[in-house]
PDB file of all heavy atoms in Angstrom:
ATOM      1  N   LEU A   1      -5.968  -8.348 -28.122  1.00  0.00           N
ATOM      2  CA  LEU A   1      -4.734  -8.618 -27.388  1.00  0.00           C
ATOM      3  C   LEU A   1      -3.590  -7.707 -27.846  1.00  0.00           C
ATOM      4  O   LEU A   1      -2.826  -7.192 -27.030  1.00  0.00           O
ATOM      5  CB  LEU A   1      -4.329 -10.082 -27.547  1.00  0.00           C
ATOM      6  CG  LEU A   1      -5.194 -11.099 -26.807  1.00  0.00           C
ATOM      7  CD1 LEU A   1      -4.717 -12.508 -27.106  1.00  0.00           C
ATOM      8  CD2 LEU A   1      -5.164 -10.825 -25.321  1.00  0.00           C
ATOM      9  N   ILE A   2      -3.475  -7.512 -29.143  1.00  0.00           N
ATOM     10  CA  ILE A   2      -2.425  -6.636 -29.676  1.00  0.00           C
ATOM     11  C   ILE A   2      -2.648  -5.196 -29.215  1.00  0.00           C
ATOM     12  O   ILE A   2      -1.711  -4.506 -28.820  1.00  0.00           O
ATOM     13  CB  ILE A   2      -2.367  -6.727 -31.212  1.00  0.00           C
ATOM     14  CG1 ILE A   2      -1.840  -8.101 -31.620  1.00  0.00           C
ATOM     15  CG2 ILE A   2      -1.495  -5.620 -31.793  1.00  0.00           C
ATOM     16  CD1 ILE A   2      -1.939  -8.374 -33.105  1.00  0.00           C
ATOM     17  N   ALA A   3      -3.901  -4.756 -29.246  1.00  0.00           N
ATOM     18  CA  ALA A   3      -4.210  -3.388 -28.820  1.00  0.00           C
ATOM     19  C   ALA A   3      -3.928  -3.205 -27.331  1.00  0.00           C
ATOM     20  O   ALA A   3      -3.372  -2.176 -26.920  1.00  0.00           O
ATOM     21  CB  ALA A   3      -5.663  -3.057 -29.129  1.00  0.00           C
ATOM     22  N   LEU A   4      -4.287  -4.183 -26.514  1.00  0.00           N
ATOM     23  CA  LEU A   4      -4.025  -4.061 -25.080  1.00  0.00           C
ATOM     24  C   LEU A   4      -2.532  -4.112 -24.771  1.00  0.00           C
ATOM     25  O   LEU A   4      -2.049  -3.395 -23.891  1.00  0.00           O
ATOM     26  CB  LEU A   4      -4.779  -5.144 -24.314  1.00  0.00           C
ATOM     27  CG  LEU A   4      -6.307  -4.987 -24.307  1.00  0.00           C
ATOM     28  CD1 LEU A   4      -6.955  -6.134 -23.549  1.00  0.00           C
ATOM     29  CD2 LEU A   4      -6.716  -3.648 -23.717  1.00  0.00           C
ATOM     30  N   ALA A   5      -1.795  -4.942 -25.506  1.00  0.00           N
ATOM     31  CA  ALA A   5      -0.342  -4.971 -25.330  1.00  0.00           C
ATOM     32  C   ALA A   5       0.275  -3.626 -25.725  1.00  0.00           C
ATOM     33  O   ALA A   5       1.188  -3.125 -25.058  1.00  0.00           O
ATOM     34  CB  ALA A   5       0.261  -6.101 -26.148  1.00  0.00           C
ATOM     35  N   SER A   6      -0.241  -3.039 -26.793  1.00  0.00           N
ATOM     36  CA  SER A   6       0.236  -1.718 -27.216  1.00  0.00           C
ATOM     37  C   SER A   6      -0.094  -0.658 -26.171  1.00  0.00           C
ATOM     38  O   SER A   6       0.718   0.222 -25.889  1.00  0.00           O
ATOM     39  CB  SER A   6      -0.390  -1.327 -28.552  1.00  0.00           C
ATOM     40  OG  SER A   6      -0.021  -2.239 -29.552  1.00  0.00           O
ATOM     41  N   ALA A   7      -1.288  -0.753 -25.592  1.00  0.00           N
ATOM     42  CA  ALA A   7      -1.688   0.210 -24.564  1.00  0.00           C
ATOM     43  C   ALA A   7      -0.788   0.103 -23.336  1.00  0.00           C
ATOM     44  O   ALA A   7      -0.404   1.117 -22.744  1.00  0.00           O
ATOM     45  CB  ALA A   7      -3.148  -0.017 -24.169  1.00  0.00           C
ATOM     46  N   VAL A   8      -0.423  -1.109 -22.964  1.00  0.00           N
ATOM     47  CA  VAL A   8       0.494  -1.296 -21.835  1.00  0.00           C
ATOM     48  C   VAL A   8       1.866  -0.707 -22.170  1.00  0.00           C
ATOM     49  O   VAL A   8       2.500  -0.045 -21.338  1.00  0.00           O
ATOM     50  CB  VAL A   8       0.604  -2.791 -21.459  1.00  0.00           C
ATOM     51  CG1 VAL A   8       1.754  -3.038 -20.500  1.00  0.00           C
ATOM     52  CG2 VAL A   8      -0.700  -3.286 -20.865  1.00  0.00           C
ATOM     53  N   GLY A   9       2.334  -0.925 -23.381  1.00  0.00           N
ATOM     54  CA  GLY A   9       3.605  -0.340 -23.812  1.00  0.00           C
ATOM     55  C   GLY A   9       3.583   1.177 -23.781  1.00  0.00           C
ATOM     56  O   GLY A   9       4.546   1.817 -23.327  1.00  0.00           O
ATOM     57  N   ILE A  10       2.489   1.768 -24.241  1.00  0.00           N
ATOM     58  CA  ILE A  10       2.350   3.227 -24.213  1.00  0.00           C
ATOM     59  C   ILE A  10       2.340   3.720 -22.769  1.00  0.00           C
ATOM     60  O   ILE A  10       2.968   4.730 -22.438  1.00  0.00           O
ATOM     61  CB  ILE A  10       1.074   3.669 -24.959  1.00  0.00           C
ATOM     62  CG1 ILE A  10       1.211   3.399 -26.451  1.00  0.00           C
ATOM     63  CG2 ILE A  10       0.786   5.142 -24.715  1.00  0.00           C
ATOM     64  CD1 ILE A  10      -0.084   3.574 -27.231  1.00  0.00           C
ATOM     65  N   ALA A  11       1.646   3.011 -21.897  1.00  0.00           N
ATOM     66  CA  ALA A  11       1.583   3.409 -20.485  1.00  0.00           C
ATOM     67  C   ALA A  11       2.961   3.343 -19.825  1.00  0.00           C
ATOM     68  O   ALA A  11       3.341   4.249 -19.074  1.00  0.00           O
ATOM     69  CB  ALA A  11       0.592   2.525 -19.736  1.00  0.00           C
ATOM     70  N   ILE A  12       3.726   2.305 -20.115  1.00  0.00           N
ATOM     71  CA  ILE A  12       5.070   2.180 -19.542  1.00  0.00           C
ATOM     72  C   ILE A  12       5.978   3.290 -20.068  1.00  0.00           C
ATOM     73  O   ILE A  12       6.712   3.929 -19.302  1.00  0.00           O
ATOM     74  CB  ILE A  12       5.659   0.787 -19.842  1.00  0.00           C
ATOM     75  CG1 ILE A  12       4.900  -0.283 -19.058  1.00  0.00           C
ATOM     76  CG2 ILE A  12       7.148   0.735 -19.538  1.00  0.00           C
ATOM     77  CD1 ILE A  12       5.240  -1.704 -19.459  1.00  0.00           C
ATOM     78  N   TYR A  13       5.931   3.533 -21.364  1.00  0.00           N
ATOM     79  CA  TYR A  13       6.756   4.595 -21.946  1.00  0.00           C
ATOM     80  C   TYR A  13       6.380   5.959 -21.359  1.00  0.00           C
ATOM     81  O   TYR A  13       7.248   6.772 -21.043  1.00  0.00           O
ATOM     82  CB  TYR A  13       6.582   4.603 -23.471  1.00  0.00           C
ATOM     83  CG  TYR A  13       7.406   5.655 -24.158  1.00  0.00           C
ATOM     84  CD1 TYR A  13       8.765   5.471 -24.354  1.00  0.00           C
ATOM     85  CD2 TYR A  13       6.836   6.845 -24.587  1.00  0.00           C
ATOM     86  CE1 TYR A  13       9.532   6.439 -24.967  1.00  0.00           C
ATOM     87  CE2 TYR A  13       7.595   7.818 -25.197  1.00  0.00           C
ATOM     88  CZ  TYR A  13       8.942   7.615 -25.391  1.00  0.00           C
ATOM     89  OH  TYR A  13       9.697   8.580 -25.988  1.00  0.00           O
ATOM     90  N   THR A  14       5.075   6.196 -21.198  1.00  0.00           N
ATOM     91  CA  THR A  14       4.614   7.459 -20.621  1.00  0.00           C
ATOM     92  C   THR A  14       5.107   7.606 -19.187  1.00  0.00           C
ATOM     93  O   THR A  14       5.568   8.680 -18.786  1.00  0.00           O
ATOM     94  CB  THR A  14       3.074   7.535 -20.656  1.00  0.00           C
ATOM     95  OG1 THR A  14       2.652   7.467 -22.020  1.00  0.00           O
ATOM     96  CG2 THR A  14       2.566   8.817 -20.044  1.00  0.00           C
ATOM     97  N   ALA A  15       5.027   6.535 -18.407  1.00  0.00           N
ATOM     98  CA  ALA A  15       5.474   6.597 -17.014  1.00  0.00           C
ATOM     99  C   ALA A  15       6.971   6.881 -16.922  1.00  0.00           C
ATOM    100  O   ALA A  15       7.409   7.693 -16.090  1.00  0.00           O
ATOM    101  CB  ALA A  15       5.126   5.297 -16.300  1.00  0.00           C
ATOM    102  N   LEU A  16       7.768   6.239 -17.769  1.00  0.00           N
ATOM    103  CA  LEU A  16       9.216   6.468 -17.749  1.00  0.00           C
ATOM    104  C   LEU A  16       9.566   7.891 -18.191  1.00  0.00           C
ATOM    105  O   LEU A  16      10.439   8.536 -17.601  1.00  0.00           O
ATOM    106  CB  LEU A  16       9.929   5.449 -18.627  1.00  0.00           C
ATOM    107  CG  LEU A  16       9.912   4.005 -18.123  1.00  0.00           C
ATOM    108  CD1 LEU A  16      10.537   3.076 -19.150  1.00  0.00           C
ATOM    109  CD2 LEU A  16      10.621   3.895 -16.788  1.00  0.00           C
ATOM    110  N   THR A  17       8.889   8.371 -19.210  1.00  0.00           N
ATOM    111  CA  THR A  17       9.130   9.738 -19.681  1.00  0.00           C
ATOM    112  C   THR A  17       8.733  10.750 -18.614  1.00  0.00           C
ATOM    113  O   THR A  17       9.460  11.711 -18.344  1.00  0.00           O
ATOM    114  CB  THR A  17       8.364  10.005 -20.988  1.00  0.00           C
ATOM    115  OG1 THR A  17       8.741   9.018 -21.949  1.00  0.00           O
ATOM    116  CG2 THR A  17       8.663  11.379 -21.526  1.00  0.00           C
ATOM    117  N   TRP A  18       7.575  10.526 -17.997  1.00  0.00           N
ATOM    118  CA  TRP A  18       7.112  11.417 -16.935  1.00  0.00           C
ATOM    119  C   TRP A  18       8.097  11.422 -15.766  1.00  0.00           C
ATOM    120  O   TRP A  18       8.387  12.475 -15.203  1.00  0.00           O
ATOM    121  CB  TRP A  18       5.724  10.986 -16.464  1.00  0.00           C
ATOM    122  CG  TRP A  18       5.244  11.764 -15.294  1.00  0.00           C
ATOM    123  CD1 TRP A  18       4.690  13.007 -15.305  1.00  0.00           C
ATOM    124  CD2 TRP A  18       5.302  11.361 -13.920  1.00  0.00           C
ATOM    125  NE1 TRP A  18       4.396  13.395 -14.025  1.00  0.00           N
ATOM    126  CE2 TRP A  18       4.761  12.402 -13.153  1.00  0.00           C
ATOM    127  CE3 TRP A  18       5.752  10.218 -13.276  1.00  0.00           C
ATOM    128  CZ2 TRP A  18       4.663  12.331 -11.777  1.00  0.00           C
ATOM    129  CZ3 TRP A  18       5.654  10.150 -11.904  1.00  0.00           C
ATOM    130  CH2 TRP A  18       5.115  11.189 -11.170  1.00  0.00           C
ATOM    131  N   ALA A  19       8.618  10.261 -15.400  1.00  0.00           N
ATOM    132  CA  ALA A  19       9.569  10.179 -14.290  1.00  0.00           C
ATOM    133  C   ALA A  19      10.844  10.959 -14.602  1.00  0.00           C
ATOM    134  O   ALA A  19      11.385  11.659 -13.734  1.00  0.00           O
ATOM    135  CB  ALA A  19       9.892   8.722 -13.983  1.00  0.00           C
ATOM    136  N   GLY A  20      11.322  10.855 -15.823  1.00  0.00           N
ATOM    137  CA  GLY A  20      12.515  11.608 -16.213  1.00  0.00           C
ATOM    138  C   GLY A  20      12.296  13.112 -16.175  1.00  0.00           C
ATOM    139  O   GLY A  20      13.151  13.870 -15.697  1.00  0.00           O
ATOM    140  N   ILE A  21      11.157  13.544 -16.661  1.00  0.00           N
ATOM    141  CA  ILE A  21      10.850  14.979 -16.655  1.00  0.00           C
ATOM    142  C   ILE A  21      10.656  15.473 -15.224  1.00  0.00           C
ATOM    143  O   ILE A  21      11.087  16.563 -14.866  1.00  0.00           O
ATOM    144  CB  ILE A  21       9.616  15.274 -17.527  1.00  0.00           C
ATOM    145  CG1 ILE A  21       9.940  14.980 -18.992  1.00  0.00           C
ATOM    146  CG2 ILE A  21       9.172  16.719 -17.373  1.00  0.00           C
ATOM    147  CD1 ILE A  21       8.743  15.026 -19.912  1.00  0.00           C
ATOM    148  N   THR A  22      10.016  14.659 -14.399  1.00  0.00           N
ATOM    149  CA  THR A  22       9.819  15.039 -13.002  1.00  0.00           C
ATOM    150  C   THR A  22      11.155  15.154 -12.278  1.00  0.00           C
ATOM    151  O   THR A  22      11.354  16.061 -11.462  1.00  0.00           O
ATOM    152  CB  THR A  22       8.899  14.019 -12.300  1.00  0.00           C
ATOM    153  OG1 THR A  22       7.657  13.985 -13.000  1.00  0.00           O
ATOM    154  CG2 THR A  22       8.648  14.404 -10.860  1.00  0.00           C
ATOM    155  N   LEU A  23      12.075  14.253 -12.570  1.00  0.00           N
ATOM    156  CA  LEU A  23      13.413  14.343 -11.978  1.00  0.00           C
ATOM    157  C   LEU A  23      14.098  15.638 -12.398  1.00  0.00           C
ATOM    158  O   LEU A  23      14.734  16.310 -11.571  1.00  0.00           O
ATOM    159  CB  LEU A  23      14.255  13.133 -12.380  1.00  0.00           C
ATOM    160  CG  LEU A  23      15.675  13.103 -11.839  1.00  0.00           C
ATOM    161  CD1 LEU A  23      15.667  13.048 -10.317  1.00  0.00           C
ATOM    162  CD2 LEU A  23      16.435  11.920 -12.405  1.00  0.00           C
ATOM    163  N   ALA A  24      13.972  16.014 -13.663  1.00  0.00           N
ATOM    164  CA  ALA A  24      14.560  17.271 -14.124  1.00  0.00           C
ATOM    165  C   ALA A  24      13.907  18.464 -13.423  1.00  0.00           C
ATOM    166  O   ALA A  24      14.587  19.444 -13.089  1.00  0.00           O
ATOM    167  CB  ALA A  24      14.401  17.401 -15.640  1.00  0.00           C
ATOM    168  N   THR A  25      12.603  18.385 -13.167  1.00  0.00           N
ATOM    169  CA  THR A  25      11.904  19.444 -12.440  1.00  0.00           C
ATOM    170  C   THR A  25      12.442  19.561 -11.021  1.00  0.00           C
ATOM    171  O   THR A  25      12.661  20.664 -10.516  1.00  0.00           O
ATOM    172  CB  THR A  25      10.387  19.157 -12.402  1.00  0.00           C
ATOM    173  OG1 THR A  25       9.906  19.020 -13.728  1.00  0.00           O
ATOM    174  CG2 THR A  25       9.639  20.272 -11.713  1.00  0.00           C
ATOM    175  N   ILE A  26      12.658  18.425 -10.372  1.00  0.00           N
ATOM    176  CA  ILE A  26      13.179  18.439  -9.009  1.00  0.00           C
ATOM    177  C   ILE A  26      14.589  19.029  -8.973  1.00  0.00           C
ATOM    178  O   ILE A  26      14.917  19.832  -8.091  1.00  0.00           O
ATOM    179  CB  ILE A  26      13.150  17.014  -8.415  1.00  0.00           C
ATOM    180  CG1 ILE A  26      11.703  16.586  -8.189  1.00  0.00           C
ATOM    181  CG2 ILE A  26      13.943  16.934  -7.123  1.00  0.00           C
ATOM    182  CD1 ILE A  26      11.542  15.124  -7.842  1.00  0.00           C
ATOM    183  N   VAL A  27      15.414  18.660  -9.933  1.00  0.00           N
ATOM    184  CA  VAL A  27      16.786  19.188  -9.985  1.00  0.00           C
ATOM    185  C   VAL A  27      16.766  20.698 -10.217  1.00  0.00           C
ATOM    186  O   VAL A  27      17.488  21.455  -9.548  1.00  0.00           O
ATOM    187  CB  VAL A  27      17.613  18.471 -11.075  1.00  0.00           C
ATOM    188  CG1 VAL A  27      18.930  19.177 -11.322  1.00  0.00           C
ATOM    189  CG2 VAL A  27      17.848  17.023 -10.689  1.00  0.00           C
ATOM    190  N   ALA A  28      15.939  21.158 -11.138  1.00  0.00           N
ATOM    191  CA  ALA A  28      15.849  22.601 -11.394  1.00  0.00           C
ATOM    192  C   ALA A  28      15.328  23.336 -10.163  1.00  0.00           C
ATOM    193  O   ALA A  28      15.802  24.430  -9.832  1.00  0.00           O
ATOM    194  CB  ALA A  28      14.946  22.864 -12.599  1.00  0.00           C
ATOM    195  N   GLY A  29      14.357  22.745  -9.471  1.00  0.00           N
ATOM    196  CA  GLY A  29      13.848  23.359  -8.245  1.00  0.00           C
ATOM    197  C   GLY A  29      14.901  23.396  -7.156  1.00  0.00           C
ATOM    198  O   GLY A  29      14.998  24.365  -6.401  1.00  0.00           O
ATOM    199  N   TYR A  30      15.713  22.357  -7.070  1.00  0.00           N
ATOM    200  CA  TYR A  30      16.790  22.316  -6.084  1.00  0.00           C
ATOM    201  C   TYR A  30      17.822  23.405  -6.374  1.00  0.00           C
ATOM    202  O   TYR A  30      18.288  24.087  -5.459  1.00  0.00           O
ATOM    203  CB  TYR A  30      17.450  20.937  -6.089  1.00  0.00           C
ATOM    204  CG  TYR A  30      18.607  20.828  -5.140  1.00  0.00           C
ATOM    205  CD1 TYR A  30      18.380  20.699  -3.776  1.00  0.00           C
ATOM    206  CD2 TYR A  30      19.915  20.868  -5.602  1.00  0.00           C
ATOM    207  CE1 TYR A  30      19.442  20.598  -2.888  1.00  0.00           C
ATOM    208  CE2 TYR A  30      20.978  20.770  -4.732  1.00  0.00           C
ATOM    209  CZ  TYR A  30      20.746  20.638  -3.374  1.00  0.00           C
ATOM    210  OH  TYR A  30      21.791  20.554  -2.511  1.00  0.00           O
ATOM    211  N   ILE A  31      18.154  23.567  -7.644  1.00  0.00           N
ATOM    212  CA  ILE A  31      19.104  24.623  -8.014  1.00  0.00           C
ATOM    213  C   ILE A  31      18.534  25.989  -7.662  1.00  0.00           C
ATOM    214  O   ILE A  31      19.233  26.853  -7.133  1.00  0.00           O
ATOM    215  CB  ILE A  31      19.457  24.530  -9.514  1.00  0.00           C
ATOM    216  CG1 ILE A  31      20.278  23.274  -9.774  1.00  0.00           C
ATOM    217  CG2 ILE A  31      20.213  25.768  -9.977  1.00  0.00           C
ATOM    218  CD1 ILE A  31      20.462  22.954 -11.247  1.00  0.00           C
ATOM    219  N   ALA A  32      17.241  26.179  -7.937  1.00  0.00           N
ATOM    220  CA  ALA A  32      16.612  27.457  -7.611  1.00  0.00           C
ATOM    221  C   ALA A  32      16.609  27.690  -6.109  1.00  0.00           C
ATOM    222  O   ALA A  32      16.856  28.806  -5.636  1.00  0.00           O
ATOM    223  CB  ALA A  32      15.184  27.494  -8.146  1.00  0.00           C
ATOM    224  N   GLU A  33      16.363  26.645  -5.345  1.00  0.00           N
ATOM    225  CA  GLU A  33      16.330  26.785  -3.886  1.00  0.00           C
ATOM    226  C   GLU A  33      17.712  27.085  -3.316  1.00  0.00           C
ATOM    227  O   GLU A  33      17.852  27.929  -2.429  1.00  0.00           O
ATOM    228  CB  GLU A  33      15.786  25.507  -3.259  1.00  0.00           C
ATOM    229  CG  GLU A  33      15.689  25.576  -1.752  1.00  0.00           C
ATOM    230  CD  GLU A  33      15.145  24.314  -1.162  1.00  0.00           C
ATOM    231  OE1 GLU A  33      14.465  23.560  -1.862  1.00  0.00           O
ATOM    232  OE2 GLU A  33      15.426  24.081   0.031  1.00  0.00           O
ATOM    233  N   ARG A  34      18.712  26.409  -3.832  1.00  0.00           N
ATOM    234  CA  ARG A  34      20.066  26.595  -3.304  1.00  0.00           C
ATOM    235  C   ARG A  34      20.682  27.925  -3.732  1.00  0.00           C
ATOM    236  O   ARG A  34      21.628  28.385  -3.111  1.00  0.00           O
ATOM    237  CB  ARG A  34      20.967  25.454  -3.774  1.00  0.00           C
ATOM    238  CG  ARG A  34      20.579  24.103  -3.254  1.00  0.00           C
ATOM    239  CD  ARG A  34      20.767  23.989  -1.791  1.00  0.00           C
ATOM    240  NE  ARG A  34      22.194  24.024  -1.508  1.00  0.00           N
ATOM    241  CZ  ARG A  34      22.713  24.035  -0.314  1.00  0.00           C
ATOM    242  NH1 ARG A  34      21.942  24.001   0.727  1.00  0.00           N
ATOM    243  NH2 ARG A  34      24.013  24.075  -0.153  1.00  0.00           N
ATOM    244  N   SER A  35      20.155  28.548  -4.777  1.00  0.00           N
ATOM    245  CA  SER A  35      20.756  29.784  -5.270  1.00  0.00           C
ATOM    246  C   SER A  35      20.109  31.032  -4.699  1.00  0.00           C
ATOM    247  O   SER A  35      20.507  32.133  -5.019  1.00  0.00           O
ATOM    248  CB  SER A  35      20.698  29.826  -6.795  1.00  0.00           C
ATOM    249  OG  SER A  35      19.353  29.884  -7.218  1.00  0.00           O
ATOM    250  N   GLY A  36      19.113  30.894  -3.866  1.00  0.00           N
ATOM    251  CA  GLY A  36      18.471  32.075  -3.300  1.00  0.00           C
ATOM    252  C   GLY A  36      17.372  31.686  -2.349  1.00  0.00           C
ATOM    253  O   GLY A  36      17.440  30.659  -1.676  1.00  0.00           O
ATOM    254  N   THR A  37      16.357  32.496  -2.323  1.00  0.00           N
ATOM    255  CA  THR A  37      15.231  32.216  -1.430  1.00  0.00           C
ATOM    256  C   THR A  37      14.432  31.040  -1.970  1.00  0.00           C
ATOM    257  O   THR A  37      14.402  30.799  -3.174  1.00  0.00           O
ATOM    258  CB  THR A  37      14.311  33.450  -1.326  1.00  0.00           C
ATOM    259  OG1 THR A  37      13.849  33.766  -2.645  1.00  0.00           O
ATOM    260  CG2 THR A  37      15.023  34.616  -0.729  1.00  0.00           C
ATOM    261  N   PRO A  38      13.783  30.262  -1.106  1.00  0.00           N
ATOM    262  CA  PRO A  38      13.018  29.102  -1.556  1.00  0.00           C
ATOM    263  C   PRO A  38      11.889  29.488  -2.507  1.00  0.00           C
ATOM    264  O   PRO A  38      11.297  30.554  -2.393  1.00  0.00           O
ATOM    265  CB  PRO A  38      12.450  28.520  -0.267  1.00  0.00           C
ATOM    266  CG  PRO A  38      13.314  29.067   0.805  1.00  0.00           C
ATOM    267  CD  PRO A  38      13.800  30.405   0.329  1.00  0.00           C
ATOM    268  N   THR A  39      11.613  28.599  -3.437  1.00  0.00           N
ATOM    269  CA  THR A  39      10.532  28.805  -4.386  1.00  0.00           C
ATOM    270  C   THR A  39       9.470  27.748  -4.153  1.00  0.00           C
ATOM    271  O   THR A  39       9.550  26.974  -3.207  1.00  0.00           O
ATOM    272  CB  THR A  39      11.047  28.676  -5.829  1.00  0.00           C
ATOM    273  OG1 THR A  39      11.503  27.340  -6.022  1.00  0.00           O
ATOM    274  CG2 THR A  39      12.162  29.646  -6.116  1.00  0.00           C
ATOM    275  N   GLN A  40       8.495  27.680  -5.029  1.00  0.00           N
ATOM    276  CA  GLN A  40       7.441  26.686  -4.888  1.00  0.00           C
ATOM    277  C   GLN A  40       7.924  25.298  -5.253  1.00  0.00           C
ATOM    278  O   GLN A  40       7.253  24.313  -5.011  1.00  0.00           O
ATOM    279  CB  GLN A  40       6.245  27.046  -5.748  1.00  0.00           C
ATOM    280  CG  GLN A  40       6.538  27.019  -7.232  1.00  0.00           C
ATOM    281  CD  GLN A  40       5.330  27.342  -8.053  1.00  0.00           C
ATOM    282  OE1 GLN A  40       4.256  27.495  -7.527  1.00  0.00           O
ATOM    283  NE2 GLN A  40       5.504  27.460  -9.351  1.00  0.00           N
ATOM    284  N   TYR A  41       9.100  25.170  -5.845  1.00  0.00           N
ATOM    285  CA  TYR A  41       9.630  23.872  -6.250  1.00  0.00           C
ATOM    286  C   TYR A  41      10.636  23.377  -5.218  1.00  0.00           C
ATOM    287  O   TYR A  41      11.797  23.197  -5.494  1.00  0.00           O
ATOM    288  CB  TYR A  41      10.284  23.959  -7.631  1.00  0.00           C
ATOM    289  CG  TYR A  41       9.314  24.268  -8.712  1.00  0.00           C
ATOM    290  CD1 TYR A  41       9.144  25.561  -9.152  1.00  0.00           C
ATOM    291  CD2 TYR A  41       8.531  23.271  -9.260  1.00  0.00           C
ATOM    292  CE1 TYR A  41       8.236  25.857 -10.125  1.00  0.00           C
ATOM    293  CE2 TYR A  41       7.624  23.555 -10.242  1.00  0.00           C
ATOM    294  CZ  TYR A  41       7.478  24.845 -10.677  1.00  0.00           C
ATOM    295  OH  TYR A  41       6.580  25.122 -11.642  1.00  0.00           O
ATOM    296  N   ASN A  42      10.194  23.148  -4.020  1.00  0.00           N
ATOM    297  CA  ASN A  42      11.078  22.630  -2.982  1.00  0.00           C
ATOM    298  C   ASN A  42      11.229  21.134  -3.147  1.00  0.00           C
ATOM    299  O   ASN A  42      10.271  20.387  -3.060  1.00  0.00           O
ATOM    300  CB  ASN A  42      10.529  22.944  -1.602  1.00  0.00           C
ATOM    301  CG  ASN A  42      10.535  24.437  -1.335  1.00  0.00           C
ATOM    302  OD1 ASN A  42      11.397  25.151  -1.806  1.00  0.00           O
ATOM    303  ND2 ASN A  42       9.557  24.904  -0.584  1.00  0.00           N
TER     304      ASN A  42
END
């Protein structure tokens, strides 16, 4: 039970971290798109 609870905690932390990094990727892609020709990060 402790191990499974820890695994759920790790999964939640990973999902939140991934979401934050993905948001930063989208923002950087938006800046790249608005500053010139479109890139692969639309």
